[in-house]
Amino acid sequence: MLSDFERLYVAAAAVFGLVFGSFLNVCIYRMPRDLSIVAPRSFCPECGQRIAWHDNVPLLSYVILWGRCRRCKQRIGLRYPVVEVTTAILFAAITVRYGLTVLALKWALFEAIIVTLFWTDIEERILPDELTLGGAAAGLVLTLFVRVPGQVGEIVLSGSRVLWQSLLNAALGATVLAGPIWVLGMIYARVRGREGLGLGDVKLLVLLGVFLGFENGLLALLIGVVSGSVIGIAYIWLTRKKASTYELPFGSFLCAGAAMLPLVNKL
């Protein structure tokens, strides 16, 4: 059971998640279009009208406006409230599991990156380098403060500082996860004459390896592969798309698998 104080900071984390989710929506729309995520102020994608502050309150404004732009009355995508609510839930769950710690900050950042990548891959089939490689760099910086989970570092560098164990786990995770997939993608492209797996997916695996380590990163990869195969085949069959040309958002399945791990296992 949570104490009253713990409930308070979990609620605060959820509110912050709503607000931060609104910012993630900006990133999801603007990053694939090479637009600044800082300026100008939020605007309607349909009519270009700047959105007033009172129409930009996370979740509440969407409900009040019935999911439509105040000026042009065009429907606002359901993705906007979904991202805000998802981020709120993830931030609250991370806070419950890890408390007010640096480790909680690490996993909250990870979840925010993953949510953004999930939606950019679904909508645009793009995994921006700013999030994959930039996120991996942030993960390496965080190894100075919190350990990267993994048994290999503890076994190989037993008795060494936690920092060195974490760096080994991060490096091993990034290399072993991304390396073979990159090679398979190159072979597929050479044999079939078209790209089967984008470099964005490889960079995403680097990000997962740095944050999750080898063992948990491999589990995220397996979840992504299995779920992507099952759901992808079902979707292609139901929509009668051509399997040889349909581009599956594999990165989104990887993200979904990775997002669950810090919540299911205390890493």
Protein backbone atom coordinates (compact mmCIF):
# COMPACT_ATOMS: atom_id res chain seq x y z
CA MET A 1 0.00 0.00 0.00
CA LEU A 2 1.16 3.52 -0.79
CA SER A 3 1.31 6.19 1.88
CA ASP A 4 -0.50 9.50 1.41
CA PHE A 5 2.80 11.17 0.47
CA GLU A 6 3.57 8.45 -2.07
CA ARG A 7 0.13 8.82 -3.62
CA LEU A 8 0.78 12.55 -3.89
CA TYR A 9 4.01 12.23 -5.83
CA VAL A 10 2.57 9.48 -8.03
CA ALA A 11 -0.32 11.81 -8.90
CA ALA A 12 2.21 14.59 -9.56
CA ALA A 13 4.13 12.24 -11.88
CA ALA A 14 0.91 11.49 -13.79
CA VAL A 15 0.13 15.20 -14.20
CA PHE A 16 3.68 15.85 -15.36
CA GLY A 17 3.27 12.93 -17.77
CA LEU A 18 0.19 14.57 -19.29
CA VAL A 19 2.08 17.82 -19.82
CA PHE A 20 5.18 16.07 -21.14
CA GLY A 21 3.00 13.93 -23.40
CA SER A 22 1.76 17.15 -25.01
CA PHE A 23 5.38 18.02 -25.79
CA LEU A 24 5.97 14.52 -27.17
CA ASN A 25 3.08 15.11 -29.59
CA VAL A 26 4.94 18.17 -30.87
CA CYS A 27 8.06 16.02 -31.39
CA ILE A 28 6.08 13.28 -33.15
CA TYR A 29 4.65 15.74 -35.66
CA ARG A 30 7.63 18.02 -36.20
CA MET A 31 10.73 15.81 -36.08
CA PRO A 32 9.92 13.79 -39.24
CA ARG A 33 9.28 17.11 -41.02
CA ASP A 34 12.56 18.69 -39.84
CA LEU A 35 10.68 21.43 -37.98
CA SER A 36 11.85 23.05 -34.77
CA ILE A 37 10.30 21.51 -31.66
CA VAL A 38 10.76 24.82 -29.79
CA ALA A 39 9.23 27.44 -32.08
CA PRO A 40 6.74 28.47 -33.30
CA ARG A 41 4.02 27.85 -30.73
CA SER A 42 1.66 24.91 -31.31
CA PHE A 43 -0.54 25.26 -34.40
CA CYS A 44 -3.30 23.35 -36.16
CA PRO A 45 -1.77 21.08 -38.85
CA GLU A 46 -4.79 21.71 -41.11
CA CYS A 47 -5.31 25.50 -41.08
CA GLY A 48 -2.03 26.65 -39.52
CA GLN A 49 -3.77 28.71 -36.82
CA ARG A 50 -1.75 29.19 -33.64
CA ILE A 51 -3.38 27.35 -30.74
CA ALA A 52 -4.25 29.54 -27.75
CA TRP A 53 -2.98 28.42 -24.37
CA HIS A 54 -6.50 27.65 -23.13
CA ASP A 55 -6.99 25.32 -26.11
CA ASN A 56 -3.71 23.57 -25.41
CA VAL A 57 -4.35 22.12 -21.96
CA PRO A 58 -3.41 18.43 -22.13
CA LEU A 59 -6.40 16.11 -22.53
CA LEU A 60 -8.89 18.65 -21.12
CA SER A 61 -8.83 20.89 -24.20
CA TYR A 62 -9.34 17.88 -26.48
CA VAL A 63 -12.45 16.90 -24.53
CA ILE A 64 -13.84 20.45 -24.40
CA LEU A 65 -13.34 20.99 -28.13
CA TRP A 66 -14.75 17.56 -28.97
CA GLY A 67 -11.49 16.71 -30.71
CA ARG A 68 -11.74 19.50 -33.28
CA CYS A 69 -9.82 22.69 -34.11
CA ARG A 70 -11.64 25.76 -32.78
CA ARG A 71 -11.09 27.67 -36.04
CA CYS A 72 -11.36 25.24 -38.96
CA LYS A 73 -13.35 22.51 -37.15
CA GLN A 74 -11.14 19.80 -38.63
CA ARG A 75 -10.80 16.73 -36.45
CA ILE A 76 -7.71 16.49 -34.25
CA GLY A 77 -6.14 13.04 -34.39
CA LEU A 78 -6.92 10.62 -31.56
CA ARG A 79 -3.18 10.08 -31.23
CA TYR A 80 -2.85 13.36 -29.29
CA PRO A 81 -4.86 12.36 -26.19
CA VAL A 82 -3.61 8.77 -26.45
CA VAL A 83 0.02 9.91 -26.21
CA GLU A 84 -0.76 12.22 -23.30
CA VAL A 85 -2.64 9.56 -21.32
CA THR A 86 -0.06 6.87 -22.13
CA THR A 87 2.81 9.08 -20.95
CA ALA A 88 0.90 9.93 -17.76
CA ILE A 89 0.32 6.24 -17.02
CA LEU A 90 3.93 5.31 -17.75
CA PHE A 91 5.35 8.10 -15.59
CA ALA A 92 3.02 7.18 -12.71
CA ALA A 93 3.90 3.48 -13.02
CA ILE A 94 7.63 4.25 -13.10
CA THR A 95 7.26 6.38 -9.97
CA VAL A 96 5.38 3.62 -8.15
CA ARG A 97 8.05 1.08 -9.06
CA TYR A 98 11.20 3.13 -8.54
CA GLY A 99 10.17 5.98 -6.23
CA LEU A 100 11.75 9.43 -6.39
CA THR A 101 15.16 8.25 -7.56
CA VAL A 102 17.65 8.84 -10.35
CA LEU A 103 16.72 5.38 -11.61
CA ALA A 104 13.10 6.54 -11.98
CA LEU A 105 14.35 9.55 -13.95
CA LYS A 106 16.29 7.25 -16.27
CA TRP A 107 13.29 5.05 -17.02
CA ALA A 108 10.92 8.00 -17.39
CA LEU A 109 13.28 9.45 -20.02
CA PHE A 110 13.49 6.05 -21.69
CA GLU A 111 9.70 5.70 -21.83
CA ALA A 112 9.33 9.22 -23.26
CA ILE A 113 11.82 8.44 -26.03
CA ILE A 114 10.16 5.10 -26.74
CA VAL A 115 6.65 6.61 -26.95
CA THR A 116 7.87 9.20 -29.45
CA LEU A 117 9.67 6.62 -31.57
CA PHE A 118 6.65 4.29 -31.49
CA TRP A 119 4.37 6.90 -33.05
CA THR A 120 6.83 8.41 -35.52
CA ASP A 121 7.47 4.94 -36.92
CA ILE A 122 3.76 4.14 -37.17
CA GLU A 123 2.84 7.44 -38.82
CA GLU A 124 5.89 8.26 -40.93
CA ARG A 125 8.04 5.08 -40.96
CA ILE A 126 10.85 7.20 -39.52
CA LEU A 127 12.99 6.72 -36.41
CA PRO A 128 14.76 10.09 -35.99
CA ASP A 129 18.48 10.00 -35.17
CA GLU A 130 17.89 12.71 -32.57
CA LEU A 131 15.97 10.12 -30.56
CA THR A 132 17.81 6.88 -31.36
CA LEU A 133 21.43 8.02 -31.35
CA GLY A 134 20.73 11.02 -29.10
CA GLY A 135 18.89 8.75 -26.69
CA ALA A 136 21.75 6.25 -26.72
CA ALA A 137 24.17 9.07 -25.87
CA ALA A 138 21.92 10.13 -22.98
CA GLY A 139 21.85 6.52 -21.80
CA LEU A 140 25.64 6.41 -21.73
CA VAL A 141 25.73 9.60 -19.65
CA LEU A 142 23.27 8.05 -17.22
CA THR A 143 25.65 5.11 -16.63
CA LEU A 144 27.63 7.57 -14.50
CA PHE A 145 24.74 7.61 -12.02
CA VAL A 146 22.81 4.33 -12.38
CA ARG A 147 23.82 0.83 -13.44
CA VAL A 148 22.88 -0.78 -16.71
CA PRO A 149 21.21 -4.12 -15.92
CA GLY A 150 23.02 -7.29 -16.97
CA GLN A 151 24.80 -10.34 -15.63
CA VAL A 152 27.72 -10.26 -18.06
CA GLY A 153 29.31 -7.15 -16.59
CA GLU A 154 29.00 -8.49 -13.06
CA ILE A 155 30.59 -11.81 -14.03
CA VAL A 156 33.37 -10.57 -16.34
CA LEU A 157 34.26 -7.53 -14.23
CA SER A 158 33.51 -8.99 -10.82
CA GLY A 159 35.07 -6.77 -8.16
CA SER A 160 35.33 -3.78 -10.50
CA ARG A 161 33.43 -0.53 -10.11
CA VAL A 162 29.74 -0.57 -11.03
CA LEU A 163 30.49 2.05 -13.70
CA TRP A 164 32.74 -0.31 -15.65
CA GLN A 165 30.23 -3.13 -15.34
CA SER A 166 27.49 -0.83 -16.63
CA LEU A 167 29.58 0.37 -19.56
CA LEU A 168 30.32 -3.23 -20.53
CA ASN A 169 26.63 -4.17 -20.30
CA ALA A 170 25.68 -1.14 -22.40
CA ALA A 171 28.37 -1.76 -25.03
CA LEU A 172 27.58 -5.47 -25.23
CA GLY A 173 23.85 -4.80 -25.49
CA ALA A 174 24.26 -2.24 -28.25
CA THR A 175 26.76 -4.32 -30.24
CA VAL A 176 25.17 -7.75 -29.97
CA LEU A 177 21.62 -6.51 -30.59
CA ALA A 178 22.34 -4.13 -33.46
CA GLY A 179 25.29 -5.86 -35.16
CA PRO A 180 23.66 -9.10 -36.40
CA ILE A 181 20.46 -7.28 -37.43
CA TRP A 182 22.49 -4.78 -39.45
CA VAL A 183 24.34 -7.64 -41.20
CA LEU A 184 21.08 -9.47 -41.97
CA GLY A 185 19.60 -6.25 -43.35
CA MET A 186 22.60 -5.76 -45.62
CA ILE A 187 22.38 -9.35 -46.88
CA TYR A 188 18.63 -9.03 -47.51
CA ALA A 189 19.10 -5.78 -49.42
CA ARG A 190 21.85 -7.34 -51.55
CA VAL A 191 19.84 -10.48 -52.36
CA ARG A 192 16.38 -8.93 -52.84
CA GLY A 193 17.54 -5.61 -54.27
CA ARG A 194 15.50 -3.56 -51.79
CA GLU A 195 15.78 -2.50 -48.21
CA GLY A 196 14.23 -4.98 -45.79
CA LEU A 197 15.27 -3.36 -42.54
CA GLY A 198 16.10 0.32 -42.22
CA LEU A 199 19.14 1.66 -40.41
CA GLY A 200 16.69 3.41 -38.10
CA ASP A 201 15.77 0.01 -36.64
CA VAL A 202 19.46 -0.78 -36.13
CA LYS A 203 20.00 2.53 -34.33
CA LEU A 204 16.92 1.82 -32.22
CA LEU A 205 18.51 -1.47 -31.14
CA VAL A 206 21.63 0.46 -30.12
CA LEU A 207 19.41 2.64 -27.93
CA LEU A 208 17.72 -0.39 -26.37
CA GLY A 209 21.04 -2.10 -25.73
CA VAL A 210 22.49 0.95 -23.99
CA PHE A 211 19.49 1.39 -21.69
CA LEU A 212 18.42 -2.22 -21.13
CA GLY A 213 21.68 -4.15 -21.44
CA PHE A 214 22.09 -7.35 -23.43
CA GLU A 215 19.67 -9.73 -21.67
CA ASN A 216 16.71 -7.35 -21.41
CA GLY A 217 17.44 -5.86 -24.83
CA LEU A 218 17.34 -9.36 -26.33
CA LEU A 219 13.98 -9.95 -24.63
CA ALA A 220 12.63 -6.70 -26.11
CA LEU A 221 13.89 -7.81 -29.54
CA LEU A 222 12.19 -11.20 -29.22
CA ILE A 223 8.91 -9.59 -28.17
CA GLY A 224 9.15 -7.20 -31.11
CA VAL A 225 9.91 -9.95 -33.63
CA VAL A 226 7.13 -12.29 -32.45
CA SER A 227 4.46 -9.60 -32.06
CA GLY A 228 5.48 -7.94 -35.33
CA SER A 229 5.27 -11.22 -37.19
CA VAL A 230 1.88 -12.23 -35.79
CA ILE A 231 0.21 -8.82 -35.98
CA GLY A 232 1.89 -7.93 -39.27
CA ILE A 233 0.76 -11.13 -41.01
CA ALA A 234 -2.77 -10.72 -39.63
CA TYR A 235 -2.92 -7.07 -40.77
CA ILE A 236 -1.64 -7.89 -44.27
CA TRP A 237 -4.15 -10.73 -44.58
CA LEU A 238 -7.12 -8.69 -43.35
CA THR A 239 -6.33 -5.63 -45.49
CA ARG A 240 -5.19 -7.73 -48.49
CA LYS A 241 -1.97 -5.77 -48.82
CA LYS A 242 0.93 -7.17 -50.81
CA ALA A 243 3.32 -8.80 -48.34
CA SER A 244 6.35 -8.32 -50.56
CA THR A 245 5.98 -4.53 -50.68
CA TYR A 246 4.21 -3.60 -47.43
CA GLU A 247 6.56 -1.78 -45.05
CA LEU A 248 5.95 -3.06 -41.53
CA PRO A 249 6.72 -0.54 -38.74
CA PHE A 250 9.06 -2.99 -37.03
CA GLY A 251 10.47 -0.24 -34.82
CA SER A 252 7.06 0.29 -33.24
CA PHE A 253 6.89 -3.36 -32.18
CA LEU A 254 10.39 -3.11 -30.72
CA CYS A 255 9.32 -0.01 -28.82
CA ALA A 256 6.20 -1.70 -27.44
CA GLY A 257 8.25 -4.64 -26.17
CA ALA A 258 10.92 -2.38 -24.66
CA ALA A 259 8.41 -0.09 -22.93
CA MET A 260 7.02 -2.97 -20.86
CA LEU A 261 10.31 -4.21 -19.42
CA PRO A 262 11.07 -1.49 -16.82
CA LEU A 263 7.51 -1.93 -15.54
CA VAL A 264 7.43 -5.73 -15.48
CA ASN A 265 10.95 -6.22 -14.10
CA LYS A 266 12.67 -3.89 -11.66
CA LEU A 267 15.81 -3.16 -13.68
